[in-house]
Amino acid sequence: MPLHDTQTDQTERPVLCLDMGGVFFRYSFLSALAAWADASGTDADRLRKRWQIDGPFDAFERGEIAPADYLSHLRHLLGLHRLSDEQISAGWNSIYGTVNTDLVQLLGRAEVRTRFHRVVGVSNTNTLHADFWRELYREQLPVLDGVHCSHEIGATKPNPAFFDHVAAEHGVARSRLVLVDDIAEVTTAATGLGLRAHHYQGAVDLAAFLNTL
């Protein structure tokens, strides 16, 4: 069905779910390691070897532990004992780059918007990160009808509970969600849960995918 076809009843239109980090905006955790190394006088390679996505990281993204507790965990994990919570937070939030302007322009096209009941962001993130990038990208975020964050839902994608929450919020079945994510493992898992999914590699490819729906 072409993008310009607007005959589908609104209640039957799918909800387009766009991953935030890696799709809507660019980011790199290497920037956090570099910031912590500079602030602490530590070698960045040493921090890179100690850094890991571990149980506390996942729990933080599910909103299960408080920011102060996670910052304390980072302090011990990376040996940043001389840094304050404020300094660790500053490094934690230094990872963000530019907004994907090609995507924003695509989403601004009327023939794209009319294809969907809603166009929303979805993100595995934590309260420190989300509060920061909501302010950082405040001028571009209104192109979305909302953003669903894992720390607010209590589940991370591709957990079925994450998608079921998003679907319920918009009054559609899980099968009416269309996920766009830059991680192939996530899109593969989402497809197995009945969603339509696209592994994001650029706005041109995304536009072509939307034409296949």
N, C-alpha and C. Protein backbone atom coordinates (compact mmCIF):
# COMPACT_ATOMS: atom_id res chain seq x y z
N MET A 1 0.86 -1.19 0.00
CA MET A 1 0.00 0.00 0.00
C MET A 1 0.89 1.24 0.00
N PRO A 2 0.70 2.19 -0.91
CA PRO A 2 1.56 3.36 -0.99
C PRO A 2 1.34 4.29 0.19
N LEU A 3 2.34 5.13 0.45
CA LEU A 3 2.27 6.03 1.58
C LEU A 3 1.12 7.01 1.48
N HIS A 4 0.71 7.35 0.26
CA HIS A 4 -0.31 8.38 0.12
C HIS A 4 -1.73 7.86 0.27
N ASP A 5 -1.90 6.55 0.48
CA ASP A 5 -3.24 6.00 0.65
C ASP A 5 -3.73 6.32 2.06
N THR A 6 -4.78 7.11 2.16
CA THR A 6 -5.30 7.53 3.47
C THR A 6 -6.71 7.02 3.71
N GLN A 7 -7.08 5.94 3.03
CA GLN A 7 -8.46 5.47 3.12
C GLN A 7 -8.72 4.61 4.34
N THR A 8 -7.65 4.07 4.96
CA THR A 8 -7.84 3.20 6.11
C THR A 8 -8.46 3.96 7.26
N ASP A 9 -9.47 3.39 7.90
CA ASP A 9 -10.09 4.02 9.06
C ASP A 9 -9.06 4.20 10.16
N GLN A 10 -9.12 5.31 10.87
CA GLN A 10 -8.13 5.64 11.87
C GLN A 10 -7.99 4.56 12.94
N THR A 11 -9.11 3.97 13.35
CA THR A 11 -9.05 2.96 14.41
C THR A 11 -8.34 1.69 13.95
N GLU A 12 -8.18 1.52 12.64
CA GLU A 12 -7.51 0.33 12.13
C GLU A 12 -6.05 0.60 11.77
N ARG A 13 -5.64 1.83 11.83
CA ARG A 13 -4.27 2.16 11.47
C ARG A 13 -3.31 1.68 12.55
N PRO A 14 -2.11 1.26 12.14
CA PRO A 14 -1.13 0.80 13.12
C PRO A 14 -0.49 1.96 13.87
N VAL A 15 0.22 1.62 14.92
CA VAL A 15 1.00 2.58 15.68
C VAL A 15 2.47 2.37 15.33
N LEU A 16 3.11 3.40 14.84
CA LEU A 16 4.52 3.33 14.46
C LEU A 16 5.36 3.62 15.70
N CYS A 17 6.23 2.69 16.08
CA CYS A 17 7.06 2.79 17.28
C CYS A 17 8.52 2.91 16.87
N LEU A 18 9.11 4.05 17.12
CA LEU A 18 10.48 4.33 16.71
C LEU A 18 11.42 4.29 17.91
N ASP A 19 12.44 3.46 17.84
CA ASP A 19 13.46 3.46 18.88
C ASP A 19 14.09 4.84 18.95
N MET A 20 14.45 5.26 20.16
CA MET A 20 15.03 6.60 20.33
C MET A 20 16.54 6.58 20.06
N GLY A 21 17.32 5.96 20.95
CA GLY A 21 18.77 5.92 20.78
C GLY A 21 19.18 5.01 19.64
N GLY A 22 19.81 5.57 18.62
CA GLY A 22 20.23 4.80 17.46
C GLY A 22 19.32 4.97 16.26
N VAL A 23 18.11 5.49 16.49
CA VAL A 23 17.18 5.78 15.40
C VAL A 23 16.82 7.26 15.42
N PHE A 24 16.19 7.73 16.50
CA PHE A 24 15.78 9.14 16.56
C PHE A 24 16.98 10.05 16.83
N PHE A 25 17.87 9.61 17.69
CA PHE A 25 19.10 10.38 17.92
C PHE A 25 20.29 9.43 18.03
N ARG A 26 21.48 9.99 17.87
CA ARG A 26 22.72 9.22 17.93
C ARG A 26 23.32 9.31 19.33
N TYR A 27 24.00 8.25 19.74
CA TYR A 27 24.63 8.26 21.05
C TYR A 27 25.82 7.30 21.05
N SER A 28 26.72 7.47 22.02
CA SER A 28 27.85 6.57 22.17
C SER A 28 28.28 6.53 23.63
N PHE A 29 28.31 5.35 24.22
CA PHE A 29 28.75 5.20 25.60
C PHE A 29 30.25 5.48 25.74
N LEU A 30 30.98 5.45 24.63
CA LEU A 30 32.40 5.79 24.70
C LEU A 30 32.60 7.22 25.19
N SER A 31 31.63 8.09 24.90
CA SER A 31 31.73 9.48 25.37
C SER A 31 31.66 9.55 26.89
N ALA A 32 30.84 8.70 27.49
CA ALA A 32 30.76 8.67 28.95
C ALA A 32 32.08 8.20 29.55
N LEU A 33 32.66 7.15 28.98
CA LEU A 33 33.93 6.65 29.48
C LEU A 33 35.02 7.70 29.36
N ALA A 34 35.02 8.43 28.25
CA ALA A 34 36.02 9.49 28.07
C ALA A 34 35.82 10.61 29.08
N ALA A 35 34.56 10.96 29.35
CA ALA A 35 34.28 12.03 30.32
C ALA A 35 34.70 11.62 31.72
N TRP A 36 34.41 10.38 32.10
CA TRP A 36 34.80 9.90 33.43
C TRP A 36 36.32 9.81 33.55
N ALA A 37 36.96 9.38 32.49
CA ALA A 37 38.42 9.28 32.51
C ALA A 37 39.05 10.65 32.70
N ASP A 38 38.52 11.63 32.00
CA ASP A 38 39.05 12.99 32.11
C ASP A 38 38.82 13.56 33.51
N ALA A 39 37.62 13.34 34.05
CA ALA A 39 37.28 13.91 35.35
C ALA A 39 38.05 13.25 36.49
N SER A 40 38.37 11.98 36.32
CA SER A 40 39.02 11.24 37.41
C SER A 40 40.52 11.06 37.22
N GLY A 41 41.03 11.45 36.05
CA GLY A 41 42.44 11.24 35.77
C GLY A 41 42.79 9.78 35.57
N THR A 42 41.79 9.03 35.08
CA THR A 42 41.94 7.59 34.88
C THR A 42 42.08 7.29 33.39
N ASP A 43 42.78 6.24 33.07
CA ASP A 43 42.92 5.84 31.67
C ASP A 43 41.59 5.32 31.14
N ALA A 44 41.18 5.83 29.98
CA ALA A 44 39.88 5.45 29.41
C ALA A 44 39.82 3.97 29.07
N ASP A 45 40.94 3.39 28.65
CA ASP A 45 40.95 1.96 28.33
C ASP A 45 40.67 1.12 29.57
N ARG A 46 41.18 1.57 30.70
CA ARG A 46 40.92 0.85 31.94
C ARG A 46 39.44 0.85 32.26
N LEU A 47 38.79 2.01 32.08
CA LEU A 47 37.35 2.08 32.34
C LEU A 47 36.58 1.23 31.34
N ARG A 48 37.04 1.21 30.11
CA ARG A 48 36.34 0.43 29.08
C ARG A 48 36.35 -1.06 29.44
N LYS A 49 37.45 -1.52 30.01
CA LYS A 49 37.54 -2.93 30.39
C LYS A 49 36.63 -3.26 31.57
N ARG A 50 36.38 -2.29 32.42
CA ARG A 50 35.56 -2.54 33.61
C ARG A 50 34.07 -2.32 33.35
N TRP A 51 33.76 -1.52 32.33
CA TRP A 51 32.36 -1.20 32.04
C TRP A 51 31.61 -2.45 31.58
N GLN A 52 30.38 -2.60 32.02
CA GLN A 52 29.55 -3.71 31.56
C GLN A 52 28.07 -3.38 31.74
N ILE A 53 27.27 -3.95 30.85
CA ILE A 53 25.82 -3.88 30.99
C ILE A 53 25.44 -5.07 31.86
N ASP A 54 25.17 -4.79 33.12
CA ASP A 54 24.99 -5.84 34.10
C ASP A 54 23.58 -5.81 34.70
N GLY A 55 23.40 -6.57 35.76
CA GLY A 55 22.09 -6.63 36.40
C GLY A 55 21.59 -5.29 36.88
N PRO A 56 22.41 -4.50 37.60
CA PRO A 56 21.96 -3.17 38.03
C PRO A 56 21.61 -2.25 36.87
N PHE A 57 22.36 -2.34 35.77
CA PHE A 57 22.04 -1.54 34.59
C PHE A 57 20.63 -1.88 34.09
N ASP A 58 20.36 -3.17 33.94
CA ASP A 58 19.04 -3.59 33.47
C ASP A 58 17.94 -3.18 34.46
N ALA A 59 18.22 -3.32 35.75
CA ALA A 59 17.23 -2.94 36.76
C ALA A 59 16.95 -1.44 36.72
N PHE A 60 17.98 -0.66 36.49
CA PHE A 60 17.81 0.79 36.38
C PHE A 60 16.93 1.15 35.20
N GLU A 61 17.09 0.43 34.09
CA GLU A 61 16.25 0.69 32.91
C GLU A 61 14.81 0.24 33.13
N ARG A 62 14.58 -0.63 34.08
CA ARG A 62 13.21 -1.04 34.42
C ARG A 62 12.63 -0.19 35.55
N GLY A 63 13.39 0.78 36.02
CA GLY A 63 12.91 1.66 37.08
C GLY A 63 12.87 0.99 38.44
N GLU A 64 13.68 -0.03 38.64
CA GLU A 64 13.63 -0.81 39.88
C GLU A 64 14.58 -0.31 40.96
N ILE A 65 15.56 0.52 40.58
CA ILE A 65 16.47 1.09 41.57
C ILE A 65 16.56 2.59 41.37
N ALA A 66 16.88 3.30 42.43
CA ALA A 66 16.93 4.76 42.40
C ALA A 66 18.21 5.24 41.73
N PRO A 67 18.18 6.45 41.16
CA PRO A 67 19.38 7.00 40.53
C PRO A 67 20.60 7.00 41.43
N ALA A 68 20.42 7.40 42.69
CA ALA A 68 21.57 7.46 43.61
C ALA A 68 22.20 6.08 43.79
N ASP A 69 21.37 5.04 43.82
CA ASP A 69 21.88 3.69 43.98
C ASP A 69 22.66 3.25 42.74
N TYR A 70 22.16 3.62 41.56
CA TYR A 70 22.89 3.22 40.36
C TYR A 70 24.19 4.00 40.22
N LEU A 71 24.18 5.27 40.57
CA LEU A 71 25.42 6.05 40.52
C LEU A 71 26.45 5.47 41.48
N SER A 72 26.01 5.02 42.65
CA SER A 72 26.91 4.37 43.59
C SER A 72 27.48 3.08 43.00
N HIS A 73 26.63 2.34 42.29
CA HIS A 73 27.09 1.12 41.63
C HIS A 73 28.16 1.45 40.59
N LEU A 74 27.94 2.49 39.79
CA LEU A 74 28.93 2.89 38.79
C LEU A 74 30.24 3.30 39.45
N ARG A 75 30.13 4.01 40.55
CA ARG A 75 31.33 4.46 41.26
C ARG A 75 32.21 3.27 41.66
N HIS A 76 31.58 2.22 42.17
CA HIS A 76 32.33 1.04 42.59
C HIS A 76 32.75 0.18 41.40
N LEU A 77 31.90 0.06 40.41
CA LEU A 77 32.21 -0.76 39.24
C LEU A 77 33.43 -0.23 38.49
N LEU A 78 33.48 1.11 38.34
CA LEU A 78 34.53 1.73 37.53
C LEU A 78 35.67 2.32 38.36
N GLY A 79 35.53 2.27 39.68
CA GLY A 79 36.57 2.83 40.52
C GLY A 79 36.62 4.35 40.49
N LEU A 80 35.46 4.98 40.41
CA LEU A 80 35.38 6.44 40.33
C LEU A 80 35.15 7.05 41.71
N HIS A 81 35.93 6.62 42.67
CA HIS A 81 35.67 6.97 44.07
C HIS A 81 35.87 8.46 44.36
N ARG A 82 36.62 9.14 43.52
CA ARG A 82 36.87 10.56 43.76
C ARG A 82 35.81 11.46 43.13
N LEU A 83 34.90 10.87 42.37
CA LEU A 83 33.89 11.66 41.67
C LEU A 83 32.59 11.72 42.46
N SER A 84 31.96 12.89 42.43
CA SER A 84 30.66 13.07 43.07
C SER A 84 29.56 12.50 42.20
N ASP A 85 28.36 12.40 42.76
CA ASP A 85 27.21 11.98 41.96
C ASP A 85 27.01 12.90 40.76
N GLU A 86 27.21 14.20 40.97
CA GLU A 86 27.02 15.18 39.89
C GLU A 86 28.02 14.94 38.76
N GLN A 87 29.26 14.63 39.11
CA GLN A 87 30.27 14.38 38.08
C GLN A 87 30.00 13.08 37.33
N ILE A 88 29.56 12.06 38.06
CA ILE A 88 29.24 10.79 37.39
C ILE A 88 28.02 10.97 36.49
N SER A 89 27.03 11.72 36.97
CA SER A 89 25.84 11.99 36.15
C SER A 89 26.19 12.75 34.89
N ALA A 90 27.09 13.73 35.01
CA ALA A 90 27.49 14.51 33.84
C ALA A 90 28.13 13.62 32.79
N GLY A 91 28.99 12.69 33.22
CA GLY A 91 29.57 11.76 32.27
C GLY A 91 28.53 10.82 31.68
N TRP A 92 27.63 10.35 32.53
CA TRP A 92 26.55 9.44 32.12
C TRP A 92 25.69 10.06 31.02
N ASN A 93 25.49 11.38 31.10
CA ASN A 93 24.65 12.06 30.12
C ASN A 93 25.41 12.73 28.99
N SER A 94 26.71 12.44 28.90
CA SER A 94 27.51 13.04 27.82
C SER A 94 27.47 12.21 26.54
N ILE A 95 26.67 11.17 26.53
CA ILE A 95 26.69 10.21 25.42
C ILE A 95 25.90 10.68 24.20
N TYR A 96 25.12 11.74 24.35
CA TYR A 96 24.15 12.06 23.31
C TYR A 96 24.72 12.94 22.20
N GLY A 97 24.36 12.58 20.96
CA GLY A 97 24.80 13.31 19.79
C GLY A 97 23.65 14.03 19.12
N THR A 98 23.66 14.05 17.81
CA THR A 98 22.69 14.83 17.05
C THR A 98 21.41 14.04 16.78
N VAL A 99 20.35 14.77 16.55
CA VAL A 99 19.09 14.17 16.13
C VAL A 99 19.19 13.74 14.68
N ASN A 100 18.52 12.66 14.34
CA ASN A 100 18.48 12.15 12.97
C ASN A 100 17.53 13.02 12.15
N THR A 101 18.08 14.05 11.51
CA THR A 101 17.24 15.01 10.79
C THR A 101 16.53 14.37 9.60
N ASP A 102 17.15 13.37 8.95
CA ASP A 102 16.48 12.70 7.84
C ASP A 102 15.21 12.01 8.31
N LEU A 103 15.28 11.41 9.49
CA LEU A 103 14.10 10.75 10.05
C LEU A 103 13.04 11.77 10.42
N VAL A 104 13.45 12.86 11.06
CA VAL A 104 12.50 13.90 11.46
C VAL A 104 11.77 14.44 10.23
N GLN A 105 12.52 14.65 9.16
CA GLN A 105 11.89 15.16 7.93
C GLN A 105 10.91 14.15 7.36
N LEU A 106 11.26 12.86 7.42
CA LEU A 106 10.35 11.82 6.93
C LEU A 106 9.07 11.81 7.74
N LEU A 107 9.20 11.91 9.06
CA LEU A 107 8.03 11.88 9.93
C LEU A 107 7.16 13.11 9.77
N GLY A 108 7.73 14.18 9.26
CA GLY A 108 6.96 15.39 9.05
C GLY A 108 6.11 15.38 7.80
N ARG A 109 6.28 14.37 6.98
CA ARG A 109 5.51 14.27 5.73
C ARG A 109 4.09 13.82 6.03
N ALA A 110 3.13 14.55 5.51
CA ALA A 110 1.72 14.25 5.78
C ALA A 110 1.35 12.85 5.29
N GLU A 111 1.92 12.43 4.17
CA GLU A 111 1.57 11.12 3.63
C GLU A 111 2.09 9.99 4.50
N VAL A 112 3.07 10.28 5.35
CA VAL A 112 3.54 9.29 6.31
C VAL A 112 2.64 9.29 7.54
N ARG A 113 2.37 10.47 8.06
CA ARG A 113 1.57 10.57 9.29
C ARG A 113 0.18 9.99 9.14
N THR A 114 -0.43 10.18 7.99
CA THR A 114 -1.80 9.71 7.80
C THR A 114 -1.88 8.19 7.71
N ARG A 115 -0.73 7.53 7.58
CA ARG A 115 -0.74 6.07 7.53
C ARG A 115 -0.93 5.46 8.92
N PHE A 116 -0.70 6.25 9.98
CA PHE A 116 -0.64 5.69 11.32
C PHE A 116 -1.60 6.36 12.28
N HIS A 117 -2.10 5.55 13.21
CA HIS A 117 -2.93 6.05 14.29
C HIS A 117 -2.12 6.96 15.21
N ARG A 118 -0.90 6.56 15.52
CA ARG A 118 0.04 7.34 16.31
C ARG A 118 1.45 7.05 15.81
N VAL A 119 2.35 8.02 16.01
CA VAL A 119 3.78 7.83 15.77
C VAL A 119 4.47 8.15 17.10
N VAL A 120 5.06 7.14 17.73
CA VAL A 120 5.61 7.32 19.07
C VAL A 120 7.05 6.84 19.14
N GLY A 121 7.77 7.34 20.14
CA GLY A 121 9.10 6.85 20.43
C GLY A 121 9.02 5.75 21.46
N VAL A 122 9.96 4.81 21.41
CA VAL A 122 10.08 3.76 22.42
C VAL A 122 11.55 3.66 22.80
N SER A 123 11.81 3.48 24.08
CA SER A 123 13.21 3.50 24.51
C SER A 123 13.45 2.64 25.74
N ASN A 124 14.52 1.85 25.67
CA ASN A 124 15.07 1.23 26.86
C ASN A 124 16.01 2.27 27.48
N THR A 125 15.58 2.86 28.57
CA THR A 125 16.35 3.95 29.16
C THR A 125 16.04 4.06 30.64
N ASN A 126 16.69 4.98 31.29
CA ASN A 126 16.52 5.19 32.72
C ASN A 126 16.13 6.64 32.97
N THR A 127 15.76 6.96 34.19
CA THR A 127 15.24 8.28 34.48
C THR A 127 16.29 9.39 34.30
N LEU A 128 17.56 9.11 34.62
CA LEU A 128 18.60 10.13 34.43
C LEU A 128 18.78 10.45 32.96
N HIS A 129 18.85 9.42 32.13
CA HIS A 129 19.00 9.65 30.70
C HIS A 129 17.77 10.30 30.09
N ALA A 130 16.60 9.77 30.40
CA ALA A 130 15.38 10.28 29.78
C ALA A 130 15.13 11.74 30.13
N ASP A 131 15.32 12.10 31.40
CA ASP A 131 15.13 13.49 31.79
C ASP A 131 16.08 14.40 31.02
N PHE A 132 17.29 13.91 30.78
CA PHE A 132 18.29 14.72 30.08
C PHE A 132 17.94 14.89 28.61
N TRP A 133 17.65 13.76 27.92
CA TRP A 133 17.43 13.93 26.48
C TRP A 133 16.05 14.51 26.15
N ARG A 134 15.10 14.41 27.05
CA ARG A 134 13.83 15.10 26.81
C ARG A 134 14.05 16.61 26.74
N GLU A 135 14.97 17.11 27.54
CA GLU A 135 15.29 18.53 27.50
C GLU A 135 16.22 18.85 26.32
N LEU A 136 17.21 18.01 26.09
CA LEU A 136 18.17 18.24 25.02
C LEU A 136 17.51 18.29 23.64
N TYR A 137 16.54 17.42 23.42
CA TYR A 137 15.88 17.33 22.11
C TYR A 137 14.45 17.89 22.14
N ARG A 138 14.20 18.83 23.01
CA ARG A 138 12.84 19.35 23.20
C ARG A 138 12.27 19.99 21.93
N GLU A 139 13.12 20.51 21.05
CA GLU A 139 12.61 21.13 19.83
C GLU A 139 12.20 20.11 18.79
N GLN A 140 12.81 18.92 18.82
CA GLN A 140 12.51 17.89 17.81
C GLN A 140 11.47 16.88 18.28
N LEU A 141 11.34 16.68 19.58
CA LEU A 141 10.43 15.64 20.09
C LEU A 141 8.97 15.84 19.72
N PRO A 142 8.48 17.07 19.52
CA PRO A 142 7.07 17.21 19.16
C PRO A 142 6.67 16.55 17.85
N VAL A 143 7.62 16.10 17.03
CA VAL A 143 7.27 15.37 15.82
C VAL A 143 6.67 14.01 16.19
N LEU A 144 6.90 13.57 17.43
CA LEU A 144 6.32 12.33 17.94
C LEU A 144 5.07 12.63 18.74
N ASP A 145 4.16 11.67 18.78
CA ASP A 145 2.94 11.82 19.57
C ASP A 145 3.14 11.43 21.04
N GLY A 146 4.33 11.03 21.37
CA GLY A 146 4.67 10.64 22.74
C GLY A 146 5.86 9.72 22.73
N VAL A 147 6.42 9.45 23.91
CA VAL A 147 7.55 8.54 24.05
C VAL A 147 7.27 7.59 25.21
N HIS A 148 7.49 6.30 24.99
CA HIS A 148 7.30 5.29 26.02
C HIS A 148 8.67 4.78 26.46
N CYS A 149 8.98 4.96 27.75
CA CYS A 149 10.29 4.61 28.30
C CYS A 149 10.20 3.40 29.22
N SER A 150 11.20 2.55 29.14
CA SER A 150 11.19 1.31 29.91
C SER A 150 11.14 1.54 31.41
N HIS A 151 11.82 2.59 31.91
CA HIS A 151 11.84 2.79 33.36
C HIS A 151 10.48 3.22 33.88
N GLU A 152 9.62 3.73 33.01
CA GLU A 152 8.27 4.10 33.41
C GLU A 152 7.32 2.91 33.27
N ILE A 153 7.61 2.01 32.34
CA ILE A 153 6.76 0.85 32.09
C ILE A 153 7.06 -0.29 33.05
N GLY A 154 8.35 -0.42 33.41
CA GLY A 154 8.77 -1.52 34.26
C GLY A 154 9.19 -2.74 33.47
N ALA A 155 9.43 -2.57 32.18
CA ALA A 155 9.88 -3.65 31.31
C ALA A 155 10.65 -3.04 30.15
N THR A 156 11.59 -3.81 29.61
CA THR A 156 12.38 -3.35 28.47
C THR A 156 11.99 -4.13 27.22
N LYS A 157 12.09 -3.49 26.08
CA LYS A 157 11.90 -4.22 24.83
C LYS A 157 13.11 -5.11 24.59
N PRO A 158 12.90 -6.32 24.05
CA PRO A 158 11.67 -6.83 23.44
C PRO A 158 10.80 -7.69 24.36
N ASN A 159 10.78 -7.40 25.65
CA ASN A 159 9.88 -8.13 26.54
C ASN A 159 8.44 -7.89 26.10
N PRO A 160 7.61 -8.94 26.02
CA PRO A 160 6.22 -8.76 25.60
C PRO A 160 5.48 -7.72 26.43
N ALA A 161 5.81 -7.60 27.73
CA ALA A 161 5.12 -6.65 28.59
C ALA A 161 5.33 -5.22 28.12
N PHE A 162 6.49 -4.94 27.56
CA PHE A 162 6.75 -3.59 27.04
C PHE A 162 5.79 -3.28 25.90
N PHE A 163 5.71 -4.16 24.94
CA PHE A 163 4.86 -3.92 23.77
C PHE A 163 3.38 -3.95 24.13
N ASP A 164 3.01 -4.82 25.06
CA ASP A 164 1.61 -4.87 25.47
C ASP A 164 1.20 -3.56 26.13
N HIS A 165 2.11 -2.97 26.90
CA HIS A 165 1.82 -1.67 27.53
C HIS A 165 1.60 -0.60 26.47
N VAL A 166 2.50 -0.54 25.50
CA VAL A 166 2.37 0.47 24.43
C VAL A 166 1.07 0.27 23.67
N ALA A 167 0.77 -0.97 23.33
CA ALA A 167 -0.46 -1.25 22.58
C ALA A 167 -1.69 -0.83 23.37
N ALA A 168 -1.72 -1.15 24.66
CA ALA A 168 -2.87 -0.79 25.49
C ALA A 168 -3.02 0.72 25.62
N GLU A 169 -1.90 1.43 25.70
CA GLU A 169 -1.96 2.88 25.80
C GLU A 169 -2.64 3.51 24.59
N HIS A 170 -2.55 2.86 23.45
CA HIS A 170 -3.13 3.43 22.23
C HIS A 170 -4.35 2.67 21.73
N GLY A 171 -4.84 1.74 22.54
CA GLY A 171 -6.07 1.07 22.21
C GLY A 171 -6.01 0.17 21.00
N VAL A 172 -4.84 -0.46 20.77
CA VAL A 172 -4.70 -1.36 19.63
C VAL A 172 -4.17 -2.69 20.12
N ALA A 173 -4.28 -3.70 19.28
CA ALA A 173 -3.68 -5.00 19.57
C ALA A 173 -2.18 -4.93 19.35
N ARG A 174 -1.44 -5.83 20.00
CA ARG A 174 0.01 -5.86 19.81
C ARG A 174 0.38 -6.00 18.33
N SER A 175 -0.41 -6.74 17.59
CA SER A 175 -0.12 -6.96 16.17
C SER A 175 -0.26 -5.69 15.34
N ARG A 176 -0.84 -4.63 15.92
CA ARG A 176 -0.98 -3.35 15.20
C ARG A 176 0.21 -2.43 15.45
N LEU A 177 1.21 -2.91 16.18
CA LEU A 177 2.43 -2.11 16.39
C LEU A 177 3.43 -2.39 15.27
N VAL A 178 4.07 -1.33 14.82
CA VAL A 178 5.15 -1.44 13.83
C VAL A 178 6.41 -0.87 14.48
N LEU A 179 7.39 -1.73 14.72
CA LEU A 179 8.59 -1.33 15.43
C LEU A 179 9.73 -1.05 14.46
N VAL A 180 10.42 0.07 14.70
CA VAL A 180 11.63 0.42 13.96
C VAL A 180 12.75 0.52 14.98
N ASP A 181 13.76 -0.34 14.86
CA ASP A 181 14.84 -0.39 15.85
C ASP A 181 16.16 -0.63 15.13
N ASP A 182 17.25 -0.13 15.71
CA ASP A 182 18.56 -0.30 15.08
C ASP A 182 19.25 -1.58 15.51
N ILE A 183 18.65 -2.35 16.42
CA ILE A 183 19.24 -3.60 16.89
C ILE A 183 18.47 -4.77 16.29
N ALA A 184 19.15 -5.55 15.46
CA ALA A 184 18.49 -6.63 14.72
C ALA A 184 17.88 -7.66 15.66
N GLU A 185 18.54 -7.94 16.78
CA GLU A 185 18.01 -8.93 17.73
C GLU A 185 16.65 -8.48 18.28
N VAL A 186 16.49 -7.18 18.45
CA VAL A 186 15.22 -6.66 18.97
C VAL A 186 14.12 -6.79 17.92
N THR A 187 14.42 -6.43 16.68
CA THR A 187 13.40 -6.52 15.63
C THR A 187 13.02 -7.98 15.36
N THR A 188 14.01 -8.88 15.44
CA THR A 188 13.72 -10.30 15.25
C THR A 188 12.80 -10.82 16.35
N ALA A 189 13.10 -10.43 17.59
CA ALA A 189 12.27 -10.85 18.71
C ALA A 189 10.86 -10.27 18.60
N ALA A 190 10.78 -9.00 18.19
CA ALA A 190 9.47 -8.36 18.04
C ALA A 190 8.63 -9.05 16.97
N THR A 191 9.26 -9.45 15.89
CA THR A 191 8.55 -10.17 14.84
C THR A 191 7.98 -11.48 15.38
N GLY A 192 8.76 -12.14 16.22
CA GLY A 192 8.29 -13.37 16.83
C GLY A 192 7.12 -13.18 17.77
N LEU A 193 6.94 -11.94 18.25
CA LEU A 193 5.82 -11.62 19.13
C LEU A 193 4.59 -11.11 18.36
N GLY A 194 4.69 -11.11 17.05
CA GLY A 194 3.53 -10.73 16.24
C GLY A 194 3.54 -9.30 15.74
N LEU A 195 4.60 -8.53 16.05
CA LEU A 195 4.70 -7.17 15.55
C LEU A 195 5.27 -7.20 14.14
N ARG A 196 5.02 -6.14 13.41
CA ARG A 196 5.79 -5.90 12.20
C ARG A 196 7.00 -5.07 12.60
N ALA A 197 8.17 -5.41 12.10
CA ALA A 197 9.38 -4.76 12.57
C ALA A 197 10.35 -4.51 11.42
N HIS A 198 11.13 -3.45 11.58
CA HIS A 198 12.12 -3.05 10.57
C HIS A 198 13.44 -2.74 11.24
N HIS A 199 14.51 -3.37 10.76
CA HIS A 199 15.85 -3.07 11.27
C HIS A 199 16.33 -1.79 10.60
N TYR A 200 16.42 -0.73 11.39
CA TYR A 200 16.71 0.61 10.83
C TYR A 200 18.15 0.73 10.35
N GLN A 201 18.30 1.16 9.09
CA GLN A 201 19.62 1.41 8.53
C GLN A 201 19.64 2.73 7.75
N GLY A 202 18.58 3.50 7.87
CA GLY A 202 18.52 4.79 7.19
C GLY A 202 17.10 5.16 6.83
N ALA A 203 16.87 6.48 6.65
CA ALA A 203 15.53 6.96 6.38
C ALA A 203 14.99 6.49 5.03
N VAL A 204 15.88 6.34 4.05
CA VAL A 204 15.43 5.89 2.72
C VAL A 204 14.89 4.47 2.81
N ASP A 205 15.64 3.60 3.48
CA ASP A 205 15.18 2.22 3.65
C ASP A 205 13.89 2.17 4.46
N LEU A 206 13.78 3.03 5.44
CA LEU A 206 12.55 3.05 6.26
C LEU A 206 11.36 3.45 5.40
N ALA A 207 11.50 4.47 4.59
CA ALA A 207 10.41 4.90 3.71
C ALA A 207 9.97 3.76 2.81
N ALA A 208 10.94 3.00 2.29
CA ALA A 208 10.61 1.86 1.43
C ALA A 208 9.86 0.80 2.22
N PHE A 209 10.28 0.55 3.46
CA PHE A 209 9.59 -0.41 4.30
C PHE A 209 8.15 0.01 4.56
N LEU A 210 7.95 1.28 4.87
CA LEU A 210 6.59 1.76 5.15
C LEU A 210 5.68 1.55 3.95
N ASN A 211 6.23 1.60 2.76
CA ASN A 211 5.43 1.38 1.55
C ASN A 211 5.00 -0.07 1.40
N THR A 212 5.63 -0.98 2.15
CA THR A 212 5.28 -2.39 2.04
C THR A 212 4.19 -2.80 3.02
N LEU A 213 3.82 -1.94 3.93
CA LEU A 213 2.86 -2.32 4.97
C LEU A 213 1.48 -2.55 4.38
